[in-house]
Amino acid sequence: MSTAERQAPGRPQAERQSATAPAGAAAIVLAAGRARRYGRDKRLEPVGAMPMFLHAALLLQHVADTLVVLGPEDESQARLLAEHGVDSVHCPQAAQGMGHSLACGVAQRREAAGWFVMPADMPFIRPATLDALARAAAEHELAAPAYQGRRGHPVWFARRYLPQLLALSGDRGARAILEAGEPFLLPVDDPGCVWDVDRPEDLERMLRAAGVQNQ
C-alpha cells in the first residue's frame, strides 16, 4: 500500500467529511491518557509530520465533526488542535479511566445522532475504512470494522446508547456495551484498525509496515 493511503495530510480535513455518515453524527478521539507502559507521552510521538494524537484526530475528522478528549492540564495539545480546526474538551476525571473520558466527550456532543469513538493511539486506519464504517453506521446502531475477525476501531454508537455512554466510568470504557449488544462487524483489509501503540517498538514496527516516514 502507498504512504498516501495511510498518512493523513497535515491540515484540517473538515471539507473531506464523508457524505455517507449519518446526519448529525459526531466523532470522539480519546486522548486523555498518559500511557505509562510507553515510558513517555506517546500522544506526542511523531507520525508523519505531526503528533500521533493530532494525526488520529484529523483522520477521524474525515468522517464527522471531531472532538478530542484531553486531560485537565493538556493546554498545549488543545491549542495545537484548535490551530488545525479540531475541537477539544478537558476531562477533569481523566485519570480515573477511559470510561470517564468517553462519558465526558459524549456529554459535550449529547445532541449528536451518534458517535464514532476511537483512541488516539490508532493513527494508521485507512480513510477507506472510515468511509465504509460511515456507510455501515447509516444502517446499524452498533458497528465496528474487523480485521481477520478481530474487532477494531472506530466503534459506532447510535443515539439510543446515549444513557449508557453517559453513565460510563472506570477503565473498561464501552466494553460492557459492546459485550451486551451485537455490533455489526464490517470486514476490512486494514490492519490499521486493530493496531494500537502500547510501546515504542510497536510504533516503529507500524510506521515501517504502513510506509510512513517521520519528518
Protein backbone atom coordinates (compact mmCIF):
# COMPACT_ATOMS: atom_id res chain seq x y z
CA MET A 1 0.00 0.00 0.00
CA SER A 2 1.22 3.53 -0.60
CA THR A 3 2.12 6.10 2.03
CA ALA A 4 -0.69 8.27 0.71
CA GLU A 5 -3.24 5.63 1.67
CA ARG A 6 -2.08 5.69 5.27
CA GLN A 7 -0.84 9.16 6.01
CA ALA A 8 -3.27 11.94 6.89
CA PRO A 9 -2.27 15.30 5.44
CA GLY A 10 -1.13 17.92 7.92
CA ARG A 11 -4.15 20.17 7.51
CA PRO A 12 -7.78 20.22 8.64
CA GLN A 13 -9.96 17.73 6.81
CA ALA A 14 -13.43 19.04 7.63
CA GLU A 15 -14.04 19.65 3.94
CA ARG A 16 -13.40 15.94 3.31
CA GLN A 17 -16.04 14.64 5.72
CA SER A 18 -17.79 11.56 4.42
CA ALA A 19 -21.13 12.26 2.77
CA THR A 20 -22.33 8.81 3.85
CA ALA A 21 -22.14 9.25 7.64
CA PRO A 22 -25.48 9.72 9.42
CA ALA A 23 -26.50 13.37 9.51
CA GLY A 24 -25.57 14.97 12.80
CA ALA A 25 -23.05 12.29 13.76
CA ALA A 26 -20.05 13.23 15.88
CA ALA A 27 -16.64 11.65 16.38
CA ILE A 28 -14.71 11.39 19.63
CA VAL A 29 -10.97 10.77 19.99
CA LEU A 30 -9.87 9.63 23.45
CA ALA A 31 -6.54 11.34 24.12
CA ALA A 32 -6.52 11.94 27.87
CA GLY A 33 -4.30 9.04 28.93
CA ARG A 34 -0.57 9.36 29.61
CA ALA A 35 0.32 5.78 28.61
CA ARG A 36 2.51 4.65 31.50
CA ARG A 37 3.54 1.47 29.66
CA TYR A 38 5.01 3.54 26.84
CA GLY A 39 7.51 5.27 29.11
CA ARG A 40 6.75 8.78 27.83
CA ASP A 41 3.76 10.68 26.46
CA LYS A 42 3.01 8.63 23.36
CA ARG A 43 0.39 11.12 22.20
CA LEU A 44 3.25 13.40 21.19
CA GLU A 45 5.18 10.78 19.24
CA PRO A 46 5.52 11.80 15.57
CA VAL A 47 3.54 10.04 12.88
CA GLY A 48 4.48 11.55 9.57
CA ALA A 49 4.59 15.30 10.06
CA MET A 50 2.52 15.61 13.24
CA PRO A 51 1.98 14.19 16.73
CA MET A 52 0.09 10.93 16.94
CA PHE A 53 -2.99 12.36 18.66
CA LEU A 54 -3.39 15.09 16.03
CA HIS A 55 -2.89 12.58 13.22
CA ALA A 56 -5.69 10.41 14.64
CA ALA A 57 -8.00 13.39 15.11
CA LEU A 58 -7.57 14.58 11.53
CA LEU A 59 -8.22 11.07 10.26
CA LEU A 60 -11.49 10.84 12.18
CA GLN A 61 -12.48 14.33 11.09
CA HIS A 62 -12.75 12.74 7.65
CA VAL A 63 -15.91 11.02 8.93
CA ALA A 64 -17.61 13.55 11.20
CA ASP A 65 -17.10 16.68 13.25
CA THR A 66 -14.50 15.58 15.78
CA LEU A 67 -13.99 16.27 19.48
CA VAL A 68 -10.77 15.25 21.23
CA VAL A 69 -10.97 14.46 24.94
CA LEU A 70 -7.85 15.66 26.77
CA GLY A 71 -6.59 15.59 30.34
CA PRO A 72 -7.18 18.57 32.63
CA GLU A 73 -3.70 20.03 32.08
CA ASP A 74 -3.31 19.46 28.33
CA GLU A 75 -3.36 23.11 27.30
CA SER A 76 -0.68 22.85 24.61
CA GLN A 77 -2.49 19.91 22.99
CA ALA A 78 -5.73 21.90 22.95
CA ARG A 79 -4.01 24.83 21.27
CA LEU A 80 -2.50 22.61 18.59
CA LEU A 81 -5.86 21.01 17.86
CA ALA A 82 -7.50 24.44 17.60
CA GLU A 83 -4.85 25.51 15.08
CA HIS A 84 -5.99 22.60 12.91
CA GLY A 85 -9.70 23.27 13.31
CA VAL A 86 -10.40 20.45 15.78
CA ASP A 87 -12.42 20.95 18.98
CA SER A 88 -11.31 19.57 22.34
CA VAL A 89 -12.54 19.25 25.90
CA HIS A 90 -10.62 18.77 29.15
CA CYS A 91 -11.90 15.89 31.25
CA PRO A 92 -11.33 16.55 34.98
CA GLN A 93 -11.71 12.84 35.83
CA ALA A 94 -9.50 11.55 33.02
CA ALA A 95 -7.08 9.87 35.43
CA GLN A 96 -9.91 7.63 36.66
CA GLY A 97 -10.11 5.77 33.36
CA MET A 98 -11.26 5.70 29.76
CA GLY A 99 -14.91 5.38 30.77
CA HIS A 100 -14.84 8.82 32.36
CA SER A 101 -13.18 10.29 29.26
CA LEU A 102 -15.73 8.78 26.90
CA ALA A 103 -18.66 9.93 29.04
CA CYS A 104 -17.15 13.42 29.12
CA GLY A 105 -16.84 13.55 25.35
CA VAL A 106 -20.34 12.25 24.73
CA ALA A 107 -21.73 14.79 27.21
CA GLN A 108 -20.16 17.56 25.13
CA ARG A 109 -21.82 16.17 22.00
CA ARG A 110 -25.01 14.86 23.58
CA GLU A 111 -27.18 16.29 20.76
CA ALA A 112 -25.40 14.17 18.12
CA ALA A 113 -27.18 11.47 16.14
CA GLY A 114 -24.47 9.04 17.21
CA TRP A 115 -20.75 8.82 17.91
CA PHE A 116 -17.70 7.32 16.22
CA VAL A 117 -15.23 6.58 19.03
CA MET A 118 -11.51 5.88 18.71
CA PRO A 119 -8.42 6.01 20.96
CA ALA A 120 -5.72 8.46 19.97
CA ASP A 121 -3.10 5.73 19.61
CA MET A 122 -4.59 4.29 16.40
CA PRO A 123 -3.35 6.65 13.66
CA PHE A 124 -2.90 4.06 10.91
CA ILE A 125 -6.53 3.45 9.92
CA ARG A 126 -7.19 3.91 6.20
CA PRO A 127 -9.65 6.60 5.10
CA ALA A 128 -11.40 3.92 3.01
CA THR A 129 -12.15 2.01 6.22
CA LEU A 130 -13.66 5.12 7.75
CA ASP A 131 -15.83 5.67 4.69
CA ALA A 132 -17.05 2.07 4.80
CA LEU A 133 -17.85 2.35 8.50
CA ALA A 134 -19.74 5.58 7.88
CA ARG A 135 -21.93 3.76 5.37
CA ALA A 136 -22.49 0.92 7.84
CA ALA A 137 -23.46 3.41 10.54
CA ALA A 138 -26.36 4.54 8.40
CA GLU A 139 -27.83 1.02 8.69
CA HIS A 140 -26.66 -0.25 12.10
CA GLU A 141 -26.93 1.09 15.64
CA LEU A 142 -23.68 -0.51 16.80
CA ALA A 143 -20.85 -1.18 14.36
CA ALA A 144 -17.08 -1.50 14.05
CA PRO A 145 -14.54 -2.57 11.43
CA ALA A 146 -12.98 -6.01 11.83
CA TYR A 147 -9.65 -7.26 10.50
CA GLN A 148 -9.28 -11.04 10.26
CA GLY A 149 -12.15 -11.47 12.69
CA ARG A 150 -10.78 -9.07 15.29
CA ARG A 151 -12.96 -6.09 16.18
CA GLY A 152 -11.23 -2.77 15.67
CA HIS A 153 -11.84 0.97 15.79
CA PRO A 154 -13.56 3.33 15.40
CA VAL A 155 -16.72 2.00 17.03
CA TRP A 156 -20.07 3.49 16.06
CA PHE A 157 -22.74 4.04 18.72
CA ALA A 158 -26.17 5.25 17.59
CA ARG A 159 -28.10 7.75 19.68
CA ARG A 160 -30.03 5.05 21.56
CA TYR A 161 -26.83 4.37 23.50
CA LEU A 162 -26.66 7.89 24.96
CA PRO A 163 -27.75 6.92 28.52
CA GLN A 164 -25.26 4.04 28.70
CA LEU A 165 -22.41 6.15 27.35
CA LEU A 166 -23.08 8.99 29.78
CA ALA A 167 -23.04 6.51 32.67
CA LEU A 168 -19.60 5.08 31.85
CA SER A 169 -16.77 5.24 34.37
CA GLY A 170 -13.55 3.44 35.21
CA ASP A 171 -11.08 1.72 32.89
CA ARG A 172 -13.35 -0.55 30.85
CA GLY A 173 -14.60 2.14 28.53
CA ALA A 174 -17.56 0.99 26.46
CA ARG A 175 -16.60 -2.69 26.54
CA ALA A 176 -19.69 -3.65 28.54
CA ILE A 177 -21.96 -2.02 25.96
CA LEU A 178 -20.27 -3.94 23.16
CA GLU A 179 -20.42 -7.21 25.08
CA ALA A 180 -24.12 -6.77 25.83
CA GLY A 181 -25.00 -5.70 22.30
CA GLU A 182 -24.48 -7.33 18.94
CA PRO A 183 -22.25 -4.97 16.98
CA PHE A 184 -22.19 -5.28 13.22
CA LEU A 185 -18.62 -6.19 12.29
CA LEU A 186 -17.55 -4.77 8.96
CA PRO A 187 -14.82 -6.94 7.37
CA VAL A 188 -11.94 -4.78 6.13
CA ASP A 189 -8.48 -5.49 4.75
CA ASP A 190 -6.94 -2.92 7.05
CA PRO A 191 -4.71 -3.98 9.95
CA GLY A 192 -4.56 -0.34 11.00
CA CYS A 193 -8.00 -0.64 12.58
CA VAL A 194 -6.59 -3.05 15.18
CA TRP A 195 -3.10 -1.56 15.58
CA ASP A 196 -2.77 0.31 18.85
CA VAL A 197 0.54 1.66 20.07
CA ASP A 198 1.49 0.38 23.52
CA ARG A 199 5.30 0.58 23.34
CA PRO A 200 7.90 2.47 21.26
CA GLU A 201 8.79 -0.68 19.35
CA ASP A 202 5.11 -1.03 18.36
CA LEU A 203 5.17 2.41 16.77
CA GLU A 204 8.42 1.72 14.92
CA ARG A 205 7.05 -1.53 13.53
CA MET A 206 3.77 0.06 12.46
CA LEU A 207 5.48 3.01 10.79
CA ARG A 208 7.56 0.59 8.72
CA ALA A 209 4.56 -1.56 7.82
CA ALA A 210 2.49 1.47 6.83
CA GLY A 211 5.30 3.02 4.81
CA VAL A 212 5.13 6.26 6.80
CA GLN A 213 8.34 8.25 7.20
CA ASN A 214 8.60 10.73 10.04
CA GLN A 215 9.66 14.21 9.07
